[in-house]
Amino acid sequence: MKFIKPGLTVLLLLTLLSSCKKDDFLYTGKVKVTYTNHPTDLNVYFSPAENPQLAITNWLKPDKNGTLEYDLNIGNYILTSSSTTFFGPVGFQIRAGKTTVINFDSSNAGNVQ
């Protein structure tokens, strides 16, 4: 009896420890930006919503289809577009493991989905 109780305790402890697994935490998400009108001089950058004057990316260029995808840490951001054509700034949020989609329609208005 003296050996059974400690043996059962050790067995229970080993069972509990082996059943625990480390959770995978995601700290990033993706933003996908699509421009219906995409002039050749179009450039984009992202900044934190708390400080829009601080660019956290260099100027990025959408591809030939007017699409840009970029990975960002979770948080709130502002997308700024630079072109001779006016595109207003757009605020958006990145959630872990999710893709935030921003579409600029034919009137150059940005809509977050």
PDB file of N, CA and C in Angstrom:
ATOM      1  N   MET A   1       0.823  -1.194   0.000  1.00  0.00           N
ATOM      2  CA  MET A   1       0.000   0.000   0.000  1.00  0.00           C
ATOM      3  C   MET A   1       0.868   1.259   0.000  1.00  0.00           C
ATOM      4  N   LYS A   2       2.053   1.180   0.657  1.00  0.00           N
ATOM      5  CA  LYS A   2       2.935   2.332   0.723  1.00  0.00           C
ATOM      6  C   LYS A   2       3.458   2.714  -0.662  1.00  0.00           C
ATOM      7  N   PHE A   3       3.579   1.738  -1.539  1.00  0.00           N
ATOM      8  CA  PHE A   3       4.127   2.002  -2.866  1.00  0.00           C
ATOM      9  C   PHE A   3       3.055   2.340  -3.896  1.00  0.00           C
ATOM     10  N   ILE A   4       1.840   1.958  -3.629  1.00  0.00           N
ATOM     11  CA  ILE A   4       0.767   2.183  -4.597  1.00  0.00           C
ATOM     12  C   ILE A   4       0.371   3.658  -4.646  1.00  0.00           C
ATOM     13  N   LYS A   5       0.213   4.311  -3.498  1.00  0.00           N
ATOM     14  CA  LYS A   5      -0.193   5.725  -3.481  1.00  0.00           C
ATOM     15  C   LYS A   5       0.829   6.618  -4.189  1.00  0.00           C
ATOM     16  N   PRO A   6       2.124   6.530  -3.871  1.00  0.00           N
ATOM     17  CA  PRO A   6       3.077   7.380  -4.607  1.00  0.00           C
ATOM     18  C   PRO A   6       3.136   7.021  -6.093  1.00  0.00           C
ATOM     19  N   GLY A   7       2.993   5.754  -6.415  1.00  0.00           N
ATOM     20  CA  GLY A   7       3.010   5.328  -7.814  1.00  0.00           C
ATOM     21  C   GLY A   7       1.832   5.900  -8.576  1.00  0.00           C
ATOM     22  N   LEU A   8       0.653   5.891  -7.977  1.00  0.00           N
ATOM     23  CA  LEU A   8      -0.526   6.466  -8.614  1.00  0.00           C
ATOM     24  C   LEU A   8      -0.393   7.982  -8.768  1.00  0.00           C
ATOM     25  N   THR A   9       0.198   8.621  -7.757  1.00  0.00           N
ATOM     26  CA  THR A   9       0.400  10.069  -7.831  1.00  0.00           C
ATOM     27  C   THR A   9       1.346  10.426  -8.977  1.00  0.00           C
ATOM     28  N   VAL A  10       2.429   9.692  -9.108  1.00  0.00           N
ATOM     29  CA  VAL A  10       3.376   9.935 -10.192  1.00  0.00           C
ATOM     30  C   VAL A  10       2.721   9.663 -11.542  1.00  0.00           C
ATOM     31  N   LEU A  11       1.957   8.592 -11.633  1.00  0.00           N
ATOM     32  CA  LEU A  11       1.260   8.254 -12.875  1.00  0.00           C
ATOM     33  C   LEU A  11       0.255   9.341 -13.253  1.00  0.00           C
ATOM     34  N   LEU A  12      -0.479   9.841 -12.296  1.00  0.00           N
ATOM     35  CA  LEU A  12      -1.444  10.914 -12.543  1.00  0.00           C
ATOM     36  C   LEU A  12      -0.725  12.189 -12.989  1.00  0.00           C
ATOM     37  N   LEU A  13       0.379  12.518 -12.342  1.00  0.00           N
ATOM     38  CA  LEU A  13       1.149  13.693 -12.708  1.00  0.00           C
ATOM     39  C   LEU A  13       1.703  13.578 -14.130  1.00  0.00           C
ATOM     40  N   LEU A  14       2.233  12.433 -14.487  1.00  0.00           N
ATOM     41  CA  LEU A  14       2.748  12.217 -15.840  1.00  0.00           C
ATOM     42  C   LEU A  14       1.636  12.303 -16.889  1.00  0.00           C
ATOM     43  N   THR A  15       0.471  11.785 -16.561  1.00  0.00           N
ATOM     44  CA  THR A  15      -0.662  11.851 -17.479  1.00  0.00           C
ATOM     45  C   THR A  15      -1.080  13.295 -17.718  1.00  0.00           C
ATOM     46  N   LEU A  16      -1.158  14.086 -16.653  1.00  0.00           N
ATOM     47  CA  LEU A  16      -1.546  15.488 -16.796  1.00  0.00           C
ATOM     48  C   LEU A  16      -0.512  16.282 -17.589  1.00  0.00           C
ATOM     49  N   LEU A  17       0.769  16.043 -17.339  1.00  0.00           N
ATOM     50  CA  LEU A  17       1.808  16.780 -18.048  1.00  0.00           C
ATOM     51  C   LEU A  17       1.888  16.403 -19.514  1.00  0.00           C
ATOM     52  N   SER A  18       1.654  15.149 -19.819  1.00  0.00           N
ATOM     53  CA  SER A  18       1.748  14.725 -21.225  1.00  0.00           C
ATOM     54  C   SER A  18       0.530  15.162 -22.038  1.00  0.00           C
ATOM     55  N   SER A  19      -0.573  15.439 -21.376  1.00  0.00           N
ATOM     56  CA  SER A  19      -1.765  15.851 -22.114  1.00  0.00           C
ATOM     57  C   SER A  19      -1.773  17.343 -22.416  1.00  0.00           C
ATOM     58  N   CYS A  20      -0.927  18.124 -21.744  1.00  0.00           N
ATOM     59  CA  CYS A  20      -0.855  19.558 -22.010  1.00  0.00           C
ATOM     60  C   CYS A  20       0.000  19.792 -23.249  1.00  0.00           C
ATOM     61  N   LYS A  21      -0.489  20.652 -24.107  1.00  0.00           N
ATOM     62  CA  LYS A  21       0.315  21.026 -25.268  1.00  0.00           C
ATOM     63  C   LYS A  21       0.381  22.537 -25.349  1.00  0.00           C
ATOM     64  N   LYS A  22       1.456  22.992 -25.915  1.00  0.00           N
ATOM     65  CA  LYS A  22       1.662  24.431 -26.027  1.00  0.00           C
ATOM     66  C   LYS A  22       0.730  24.992 -27.093  1.00  0.00           C
ATOM     67  N   ASP A  23       0.007  26.052 -26.737  1.00  0.00           N
ATOM     68  CA  ASP A  23      -0.878  26.708 -27.695  1.00  0.00           C
ATOM     69  C   ASP A  23      -0.044  27.521 -28.680  1.00  0.00           C
ATOM     70  N   ASP A  24      -0.479  27.525 -29.916  1.00  0.00           N
ATOM     71  CA  ASP A  24       0.173  28.337 -30.933  1.00  0.00           C
ATOM     72  C   ASP A  24      -0.495  29.704 -30.946  1.00  0.00           C
ATOM     73  N   PHE A  25       0.277  30.716 -30.636  1.00  0.00           N
ATOM     74  CA  PHE A  25      -0.250  32.069 -30.610  1.00  0.00           C
ATOM     75  C   PHE A  25       0.160  32.796 -31.879  1.00  0.00           C
ATOM     76  N   LEU A  26      -0.799  33.411 -32.519  1.00  0.00           N
ATOM     77  CA  LEU A  26      -0.524  34.213 -33.703  1.00  0.00           C
ATOM     78  C   LEU A  26      -0.543  35.680 -33.305  1.00  0.00           C
ATOM     79  N   TYR A  27       0.463  36.386 -33.722  1.00  0.00           N
ATOM     80  CA  TYR A  27       0.549  37.804 -33.406  1.00  0.00           C
ATOM     81  C   TYR A  27       0.460  38.661 -34.656  1.00  0.00           C
ATOM     82  N   THR A  28       0.205  38.035 -35.791  1.00  0.00           N
ATOM     83  CA  THR A  28       0.132  38.786 -37.035  1.00  0.00           C
ATOM     84  C   THR A  28      -1.143  38.469 -37.793  1.00  0.00           C
ATOM     85  N   GLY A  29      -1.459  39.342 -38.705  1.00  0.00           N
ATOM     86  CA  GLY A  29      -2.560  39.169 -39.642  1.00  0.00           C
ATOM     87  C   GLY A  29      -2.122  39.756 -40.964  1.00  0.00           C
ATOM     88  N   LYS A  30      -3.032  39.817 -41.884  1.00  0.00           N
ATOM     89  CA  LYS A  30      -2.689  40.288 -43.231  1.00  0.00           C
ATOM     90  C   LYS A  30      -3.687  41.351 -43.655  1.00  0.00           C
ATOM     91  N   VAL A  31      -3.209  42.290 -44.451  1.00  0.00           N
ATOM     92  CA  VAL A  31      -4.090  43.266 -45.085  1.00  0.00           C
ATOM     93  C   VAL A  31      -3.966  43.060 -46.595  1.00  0.00           C
ATOM     94  N   LYS A  32      -5.111  43.080 -47.261  1.00  0.00           N
ATOM     95  CA  LYS A  32      -5.150  42.975 -48.714  1.00  0.00           C
ATOM     96  C   LYS A  32      -5.883  44.206 -49.222  1.00  0.00           C
ATOM     97  N   VAL A  33      -5.174  44.995 -50.041  1.00  0.00           N
ATOM     98  CA  VAL A  33      -5.727  46.242 -50.570  1.00  0.00           C
ATOM     99  C   VAL A  33      -5.889  46.096 -52.075  1.00  0.00           C
ATOM    100  N   THR A  34      -7.080  46.457 -52.571  1.00  0.00           N
ATOM    101  CA  THR A  34      -7.354  46.394 -54.005  1.00  0.00           C
ATOM    102  C   THR A  34      -7.844  47.749 -54.478  1.00  0.00           C
ATOM    103  N   TYR A  35      -7.232  48.234 -55.553  1.00  0.00           N
ATOM    104  CA  TYR A  35      -7.609  49.510 -56.164  1.00  0.00           C
ATOM    105  C   TYR A  35      -8.268  49.232 -57.509  1.00  0.00           C
ATOM    106  N   THR A  36      -9.503  49.718 -57.697  1.00  0.00           N
ATOM    107  CA  THR A  36     -10.152  49.614 -59.004  1.00  0.00           C
ATOM    108  C   THR A  36      -9.411  50.488 -60.001  1.00  0.00           C
ATOM    109  N   ASN A  37      -9.154  51.748 -59.616  1.00  0.00           N
ATOM    110  CA  ASN A  37      -8.328  52.656 -60.422  1.00  0.00           C
ATOM    111  C   ASN A  37      -6.934  52.620 -59.807  1.00  0.00           C
ATOM    112  N   HIS A  38      -5.962  52.186 -60.557  1.00  0.00           N
ATOM    113  CA  HIS A  38      -4.611  52.137 -60.013  1.00  0.00           C
ATOM    114  C   HIS A  38      -3.623  52.816 -60.962  1.00  0.00           C
ATOM    115  N   PRO A  39      -3.453  54.125 -60.751  1.00  0.00           N
ATOM    116  CA  PRO A  39      -2.504  54.854 -61.589  1.00  0.00           C
ATOM    117  C   PRO A  39      -1.083  54.339 -61.359  1.00  0.00           C
ATOM    118  N   THR A  40      -0.226  54.574 -62.311  1.00  0.00           N
ATOM    119  CA  THR A  40       1.139  54.059 -62.237  1.00  0.00           C
ATOM    120  C   THR A  40       1.972  54.721 -61.141  1.00  0.00           C
ATOM    121  N   ASP A  41       1.574  55.930 -60.716  1.00  0.00           N
ATOM    122  CA  ASP A  41       2.342  56.614 -59.674  1.00  0.00           C
ATOM    123  C   ASP A  41       1.815  56.326 -58.262  1.00  0.00           C
ATOM    124  N   LEU A  42       0.962  55.321 -58.105  1.00  0.00           N
ATOM    125  CA  LEU A  42       0.348  54.992 -56.817  1.00  0.00           C
ATOM    126  C   LEU A  42       1.345  54.300 -55.892  1.00  0.00           C
ATOM    127  N   ASN A  43       1.483  54.839 -54.687  1.00  0.00           N
ATOM    128  CA  ASN A  43       2.306  54.255 -53.627  1.00  0.00           C
ATOM    129  C   ASN A  43       1.496  54.246 -52.346  1.00  0.00           C
ATOM    130  N   VAL A  44       1.798  53.293 -51.460  1.00  0.00           N
ATOM    131  CA  VAL A  44       1.014  53.088 -50.238  1.00  0.00           C
ATOM    132  C   VAL A  44       1.964  52.906 -49.060  1.00  0.00           C
ATOM    133  N   TYR A  45       1.572  53.411 -47.891  1.00  0.00           N
ATOM    134  CA  TYR A  45       2.285  53.057 -46.668  1.00  0.00           C
ATOM    135  C   TYR A  45       1.290  52.900 -45.531  1.00  0.00           C
ATOM    136  N   PHE A  46       1.735  52.199 -44.475  1.00  0.00           N
ATOM    137  CA  PHE A  46       0.914  51.941 -43.301  1.00  0.00           C
ATOM    138  C   PHE A  46       1.538  52.637 -42.105  1.00  0.00           C
ATOM    139  N   SER A  47       0.676  53.164 -41.236  1.00  0.00           N
ATOM    140  CA  SER A  47       1.136  53.793 -40.002  1.00  0.00           C
ATOM    141  C   SER A  47       0.204  53.366 -38.871  1.00  0.00           C
ATOM    142  N   PRO A  48       0.686  53.398 -37.624  1.00  0.00           N
ATOM    143  CA  PRO A  48      -0.183  53.056 -36.504  1.00  0.00           C
ATOM    144  C   PRO A  48      -1.247  54.137 -36.316  1.00  0.00           C
ATOM    145  N   ALA A  49      -2.433  53.734 -35.924  1.00  0.00           N
ATOM    146  CA  ALA A  49      -3.530  54.696 -35.731  1.00  0.00           C
ATOM    147  C   ALA A  49      -3.204  55.694 -34.628  1.00  0.00           C
ATOM    148  N   GLU A  50      -2.401  55.284 -33.655  1.00  0.00           N
ATOM    149  CA  GLU A  50      -2.056  56.159 -32.539  1.00  0.00           C
ATOM    150  C   GLU A  50      -1.116  57.288 -32.963  1.00  0.00           C
ATOM    151  N   ASN A  51      -0.355  57.069 -34.045  1.00  0.00           N
ATOM    152  CA  ASN A  51       0.591  58.079 -34.513  1.00  0.00           C
ATOM    153  C   ASN A  51       0.679  58.019 -36.034  1.00  0.00           C
ATOM    154  N   PRO A  52      -0.274  58.627 -36.747  1.00  0.00           N
ATOM    155  CA  PRO A  52      -0.322  58.528 -38.207  1.00  0.00           C
ATOM    156  C   PRO A  52       0.891  59.123 -38.928  1.00  0.00           C
ATOM    157  N   GLN A  53       1.674  59.986 -38.255  1.00  0.00           N
ATOM    158  CA  GLN A  53       2.843  60.573 -38.896  1.00  0.00           C
ATOM    159  C   GLN A  53       4.024  59.599 -38.951  1.00  0.00           C
ATOM    160  N   LEU A  54       3.931  58.504 -38.217  1.00  0.00           N
ATOM    161  CA  LEU A  54       5.018  57.528 -38.155  1.00  0.00           C
ATOM    162  C   LEU A  54       4.740  56.383 -39.127  1.00  0.00           C
ATOM    163  N   ALA A  55       5.445  56.365 -40.230  1.00  0.00           N
ATOM    164  CA  ALA A  55       5.278  55.284 -41.211  1.00  0.00           C
ATOM    165  C   ALA A  55       6.013  54.050 -40.718  1.00  0.00           C
ATOM    166  N   ILE A  56       5.329  52.908 -40.701  1.00  0.00           N
ATOM    167  CA  ILE A  56       5.987  51.670 -40.273  1.00  0.00           C
ATOM    168  C   ILE A  56       6.426  50.835 -41.472  1.00  0.00           C
ATOM    169  N   THR A  57       6.123  51.314 -42.675  1.00  0.00           N
ATOM    170  CA  THR A  57       6.603  50.664 -43.892  1.00  0.00           C
ATOM    171  C   THR A  57       7.188  51.733 -44.802  1.00  0.00           C
ATOM    172  N   ASN A  58       8.043  51.311 -45.695  1.00  0.00           N
ATOM    173  CA  ASN A  58       8.460  52.194 -46.780  1.00  0.00           C
ATOM    174  C   ASN A  58       7.292  52.286 -47.746  1.00  0.00           C
ATOM    175  N   TRP A  59       7.428  53.117 -48.738  1.00  0.00           N
ATOM    176  CA  TRP A  59       6.381  53.193 -49.749  1.00  0.00           C
ATOM    177  C   TRP A  59       6.275  51.853 -50.463  1.00  0.00           C
ATOM    178  N   LEU A  60       5.068  51.322 -50.544  1.00  0.00           N
ATOM    179  CA  LEU A  60       4.806  50.042 -51.203  1.00  0.00           C
ATOM    180  C   LEU A  60       4.052  50.299 -52.499  1.00  0.00           C
ATOM    181  N   LYS A  61       4.275  49.480 -53.480  1.00  0.00           N
ATOM    182  CA  LYS A  61       3.632  49.649 -54.784  1.00  0.00           C
ATOM    183  C   LYS A  61       2.704  48.462 -55.036  1.00  0.00           C
ATOM    184  N   PRO A  62       1.428  48.721 -55.352  1.00  0.00           N
ATOM    185  CA  PRO A  62       0.533  47.624 -55.731  1.00  0.00           C
ATOM    186  C   PRO A  62       1.021  46.947 -57.012  1.00  0.00           C
ATOM    187  N   ASP A  63       0.625  45.696 -57.216  1.00  0.00           N
ATOM    188  CA  ASP A  63       1.021  44.989 -58.442  1.00  0.00           C
ATOM    189  C   ASP A  63       0.259  45.534 -59.649  1.00  0.00           C
ATOM    190  N   LYS A  64       0.480  44.947 -60.806  1.00  0.00           N
ATOM    191  CA  LYS A  64      -0.123  45.455 -62.049  1.00  0.00           C
ATOM    192  C   LYS A  64      -1.644  45.358 -62.058  1.00  0.00           C
ATOM    193  N   ASN A  65      -2.217  44.529 -61.155  1.00  0.00           N
ATOM    194  CA  ASN A  65      -3.677  44.419 -61.039  1.00  0.00           C
ATOM    195  C   ASN A  65      -4.255  45.374 -60.000  1.00  0.00           C
ATOM    196  N   GLY A  66      -3.392  46.172 -59.368  1.00  0.00           N
ATOM    197  CA  GLY A  66      -3.860  47.109 -58.352  1.00  0.00           C
ATOM    198  C   GLY A  66      -4.067  46.464 -56.996  1.00  0.00           C
ATOM    199  N   THR A  67      -3.370  45.359 -56.726  1.00  0.00           N
ATOM    200  CA  THR A  67      -3.530  44.632 -55.463  1.00  0.00           C
ATOM    201  C   THR A  67      -2.229  44.652 -54.665  1.00  0.00           C
ATOM    202  N   LEU A  68      -2.374  44.782 -53.366  1.00  0.00           N
ATOM    203  CA  LEU A  68      -1.235  44.778 -52.463  1.00  0.00           C
ATOM    204  C   LEU A  68      -1.593  43.935 -51.249  1.00  0.00           C
ATOM    205  N   GLU A  69      -0.719  43.018 -50.854  1.00  0.00           N
ATOM    206  CA  GLU A  69      -0.902  42.225 -49.633  1.00  0.00           C
ATOM    207  C   GLU A  69       0.310  42.442 -48.747  1.00  0.00           C
ATOM    208  N   TYR A  70       0.046  42.574 -47.436  1.00  0.00           N
ATOM    209  CA  TYR A  70       1.136  42.838 -46.513  1.00  0.00           C
ATOM    210  C   TYR A  70       0.796  42.245 -45.144  1.00  0.00           C
ATOM    211  N   ASP A  71       1.798  41.657 -44.474  1.00  0.00           N
ATOM    212  CA  ASP A  71       1.624  41.117 -43.120  1.00  0.00           C
ATOM    213  C   ASP A  71       1.928  42.208 -42.101  1.00  0.00           C
ATOM    214  N   LEU A  72       1.046  42.319 -41.094  1.00  0.00           N
ATOM    215  CA  LEU A  72       1.222  43.307 -40.030  1.00  0.00           C
ATOM    216  C   LEU A  72       0.948  42.653 -38.688  1.00  0.00           C
ATOM    217  N   ASN A  73       1.515  43.214 -37.633  1.00  0.00           N
ATOM    218  CA  ASN A  73       1.189  42.774 -36.285  1.00  0.00           C
ATOM    219  C   ASN A  73      -0.244  43.188 -35.962  1.00  0.00           C
ATOM    220  N   ILE A  74      -0.864  42.485 -35.008  1.00  0.00           N
ATOM    221  CA  ILE A  74      -2.231  42.849 -34.631  1.00  0.00           C
ATOM    222  C   ILE A  74      -2.243  44.296 -34.114  1.00  0.00           C
ATOM    223  N   GLY A  75      -3.312  45.009 -34.428  1.00  0.00           N
ATOM    224  CA  GLY A  75      -3.427  46.397 -33.993  1.00  0.00           C
ATOM    225  C   GLY A  75      -4.262  47.220 -34.948  1.00  0.00           C
ATOM    226  N   ASN A  76      -4.278  48.517 -34.712  1.00  0.00           N
ATOM    227  CA  ASN A  76      -5.042  49.463 -35.517  1.00  0.00           C
ATOM    228  C   ASN A  76      -4.085  50.294 -36.367  1.00  0.00           C
ATOM    229  N   TYR A  77      -4.445  50.451 -37.632  1.00  0.00           N
ATOM    230  CA  TYR A  77      -3.556  51.096 -38.591  1.00  0.00           C
ATOM    231  C   TYR A  77      -4.315  52.083 -39.467  1.00  0.00           C
ATOM    232  N   ILE A  78      -3.536  52.906 -40.161  1.00  0.00           N
ATOM    233  CA  ILE A  78      -4.067  53.806 -41.175  1.00  0.00           C
ATOM    234  C   ILE A  78      -3.300  53.556 -42.460  1.00  0.00           C
ATOM    235  N   LEU A  79      -4.029  53.358 -43.542  1.00  0.00           N
ATOM    236  CA  LEU A  79      -3.443  53.196 -44.866  1.00  0.00           C
ATOM    237  C   LEU A  79      -3.452  54.559 -45.535  1.00  0.00           C
ATOM    238  N   THR A  80      -2.307  54.981 -46.043  1.00  0.00           N
ATOM    239  CA  THR A  80      -2.201  56.247 -46.757  1.00  0.00           C
ATOM    240  C   THR A  80      -1.733  55.958 -48.176  1.00  0.00           C
ATOM    241  N   SER A  81      -2.447  56.507 -49.135  1.00  0.00           N
ATOM    242  CA  SER A  81      -2.111  56.335 -50.548  1.00  0.00           C
ATOM    243  C   SER A  81      -1.585  57.650 -51.084  1.00  0.00           C
ATOM    244  N   SER A  82      -0.558  57.565 -51.911  1.00  0.00           N
ATOM    245  CA  SER A  82       0.006  58.760 -52.534  1.00  0.00           C
ATOM    246  C   SER A  82      -0.049  58.602 -54.050  1.00  0.00           C
ATOM    247  N   SER A  83      -0.644  59.590 -54.698  1.00  0.00           N
ATOM    248  CA  SER A  83      -0.783  59.565 -56.150  1.00  0.00           C
ATOM    249  C   SER A  83      -1.252  60.939 -56.603  1.00  0.00           C
ATOM    250  N   THR A  84      -1.157  61.199 -57.895  1.00  0.00           N
ATOM    251  CA  THR A  84      -1.752  62.419 -58.425  1.00  0.00           C
ATOM    252  C   THR A  84      -3.276  62.313 -58.382  1.00  0.00           C
ATOM    253  N   THR A  85      -3.787  61.092 -58.316  1.00  0.00           N
ATOM    254  CA  THR A  85      -5.219  60.841 -58.122  1.00  0.00           C
ATOM    255  C   THR A  85      -5.463  60.769 -56.619  1.00  0.00           C
ATOM    256  N   PHE A  86      -6.550  61.383 -56.124  1.00  0.00           N
ATOM    257  CA  PHE A  86      -6.810  61.413 -54.687  1.00  0.00           C
ATOM    258  C   PHE A  86      -7.407  60.097 -54.194  1.00  0.00           C
ATOM    259  N   PHE A  87      -6.784  59.540 -53.157  1.00  0.00           N
ATOM    260  CA  PHE A  87      -7.301  58.397 -52.400  1.00  0.00           C
ATOM    261  C   PHE A  87      -7.216  58.802 -50.938  1.00  0.00           C
ATOM    262  N   GLY A  88      -8.346  58.817 -50.241  1.00  0.00           N
ATOM    263  CA  GLY A  88      -8.358  59.205 -48.837  1.00  0.00           C
ATOM    264  C   GLY A  88      -7.729  58.154 -47.947  1.00  0.00           C
ATOM    265  N   PRO A  89      -7.259  58.561 -46.768  1.00  0.00           N
ATOM    266  CA  PRO A  89      -6.713  57.597 -45.817  1.00  0.00           C
ATOM    267  C   PRO A  89      -7.817  56.685 -45.281  1.00  0.00           C
ATOM    268  N   VAL A  90      -7.449  55.461 -44.925  1.00  0.00           N
ATOM    269  CA  VAL A  90      -8.418  54.486 -44.425  1.00  0.00           C
ATOM    270  C   VAL A  90      -7.883  53.867 -43.143  1.00  0.00           C
ATOM    271  N   GLY A  91      -8.696  53.898 -42.089  1.00  0.00           N
ATOM    272  CA  GLY A  91      -8.354  53.221 -40.845  1.00  0.00           C
ATOM    273  C   GLY A  91      -8.852  51.784 -40.878  1.00  0.00           C
ATOM    274  N   PHE A  92      -8.055  50.879 -40.318  1.00  0.00           N
ATOM    275  CA  PHE A  92      -8.453  49.469 -40.301  1.00  0.00           C
ATOM    276  C   PHE A  92      -7.787  48.760 -39.137  1.00  0.00           C
ATOM    277  N   GLN A  93      -8.242  47.550 -38.876  1.00  0.00           N
ATOM    278  CA  GLN A  93      -7.728  46.754 -37.763  1.00  0.00           C
ATOM    279  C   GLN A  93      -7.212  45.416 -38.272  1.00  0.00           C
ATOM    280  N   ILE A  94      -6.087  44.975 -37.730  1.00  0.00           N
ATOM    281  CA  ILE A  94      -5.527  43.655 -38.017  1.00  0.00           C
ATOM    282  C   ILE A  94      -5.815  42.756 -36.823  1.00  0.00           C
ATOM    283  N   ARG A  95      -6.420  41.604 -37.098  1.00  0.00           N
ATOM    284  CA  ARG A  95      -6.691  40.599 -36.069  1.00  0.00           C
ATOM    285  C   ARG A  95      -5.820  39.379 -36.329  1.00  0.00           C
ATOM    286  N   ALA A  96      -5.461  38.688 -35.290  1.00  0.00           N
ATOM    287  CA  ALA A  96      -4.546  37.548 -35.380  1.00  0.00           C
ATOM    288  C   ALA A  96      -5.089  36.476 -36.317  1.00  0.00           C
ATOM    289  N   GLY A  97      -4.273  36.100 -37.293  1.00  0.00           N
ATOM    290  CA  GLY A  97      -4.615  35.025 -38.208  1.00  0.00           C
ATOM    291  C   GLY A  97      -5.685  35.359 -39.225  1.00  0.00           C
ATOM    292  N   LYS A  98      -6.106  36.598 -39.303  1.00  0.00           N
ATOM    293  CA  LYS A  98      -7.176  37.011 -40.225  1.00  0.00           C
ATOM    294  C   LYS A  98      -6.626  37.940 -41.302  1.00  0.00           C
ATOM    295  N   THR A  99      -7.383  38.053 -42.395  1.00  0.00           N
ATOM    296  CA  THR A  99      -7.043  38.982 -43.467  1.00  0.00           C
ATOM    297  C   THR A  99      -8.082  40.092 -43.513  1.00  0.00           C
ATOM    298  N   THR A 100      -7.617  41.320 -43.399  1.00  0.00           N
ATOM    299  CA  THR A 100      -8.479  42.493 -43.534  1.00  0.00           C
ATOM    300  C   THR A 100      -8.424  42.933 -44.991  1.00  0.00           C
ATOM    301  N   VAL A 101      -9.579  43.104 -45.611  1.00  0.00           N
ATOM    302  CA  VAL A 101      -9.658  43.469 -47.020  1.00  0.00           C
ATOM    303  C   VAL A 101     -10.122  44.918 -47.139  1.00  0.00           C
ATOM    304  N   ILE A 102      -9.376  45.694 -47.917  1.00  0.00           N
ATOM    305  CA  ILE A 102      -9.742  47.084 -48.191  1.00  0.00           C
ATOM    306  C   ILE A 102      -9.875  47.221 -49.697  1.00  0.00           C
ATOM    307  N   ASN A 103     -11.058  47.634 -50.142  1.00  0.00           N
ATOM    308  CA  ASN A 103     -11.316  47.834 -51.572  1.00  0.00           C
ATOM    309  C   ASN A 103     -11.539  49.310 -51.852  1.00  0.00           C
ATOM    310  N   PHE A 104     -10.797  49.835 -52.822  1.00  0.00           N
ATOM    311  CA  PHE A 104     -11.036  51.189 -53.309  1.00  0.00           C
ATOM    312  C   PHE A 104     -11.872  51.055 -54.581  1.00  0.00           C
ATOM    313  N   ASP A 105     -13.090  51.594 -54.538  1.00  0.00           N
ATOM    314  CA  ASP A 105     -14.012  51.441 -55.668  1.00  0.00           C
ATOM    315  C   ASP A 105     -13.688  52.438 -56.784  1.00  0.00           C
ATOM    316  N   SER A 106     -14.542  52.495 -57.785  1.00  0.00           N
ATOM    317  CA  SER A 106     -14.301  53.352 -58.959  1.00  0.00           C
ATOM    318  C   SER A 106     -14.318  54.844 -58.619  1.00  0.00           C
ATOM    319  N   SER A 107     -14.923  55.211 -57.475  1.00  0.00           N
ATOM    320  CA  SER A 107     -14.898  56.618 -57.058  1.00  0.00           C
ATOM    321  C   SER A 107     -13.732  56.889 -56.100  1.00  0.00           C
ATOM    322  N   ASN A 108     -12.837  55.917 -55.952  1.00  0.00           N
ATOM    323  CA  ASN A 108     -11.628  55.995 -55.123  1.00  0.00           C
ATOM    324  C   ASN A 108     -11.915  56.069 -53.636  1.00  0.00           C
ATOM    325  N   ALA A 109     -13.071  55.603 -53.216  1.00  0.00           N
ATOM    326  CA  ALA A 109     -13.410  55.544 -51.795  1.00  0.00           C
ATOM    327  C   ALA A 109     -12.992  54.172 -51.252  1.00  0.00           C
ATOM    328  N   GLY A 110     -12.287  54.176 -50.117  1.00  0.00           N
ATOM    329  CA  GLY A 110     -11.834  52.932 -49.508  1.00  0.00           C
ATOM    330  C   GLY A 110     -12.863  52.347 -48.568  1.00  0.00           C
ATOM    331  N   ASN A 111     -13.156  51.055 -48.734  1.00  0.00           N
ATOM    332  CA  ASN A 111     -14.119  50.357 -47.893  1.00  0.00           C
ATOM    333  C   ASN A 111     -13.443  49.150 -47.245  1.00  0.00           C
ATOM    334  N   VAL A 112     -13.557  49.054 -45.920  1.00  0.00           N
ATOM    335  CA  VAL A 112     -12.955  47.941 -45.180  1.00  0.00           C
ATOM    336  C   VAL A 112     -13.980  46.840 -45.042  1.00  0.00           C
ATOM    337  N   GLN A 113     -13.536  45.622 -45.325  1.00  0.00           N
ATOM    338  CA  GLN A 113     -14.433  44.453 -45.184  1.00  0.00           C
ATOM    339  C   GLN A 113     -13.878  43.507 -44.163  1.00  0.00           C
TER     340      GLN A 113
END
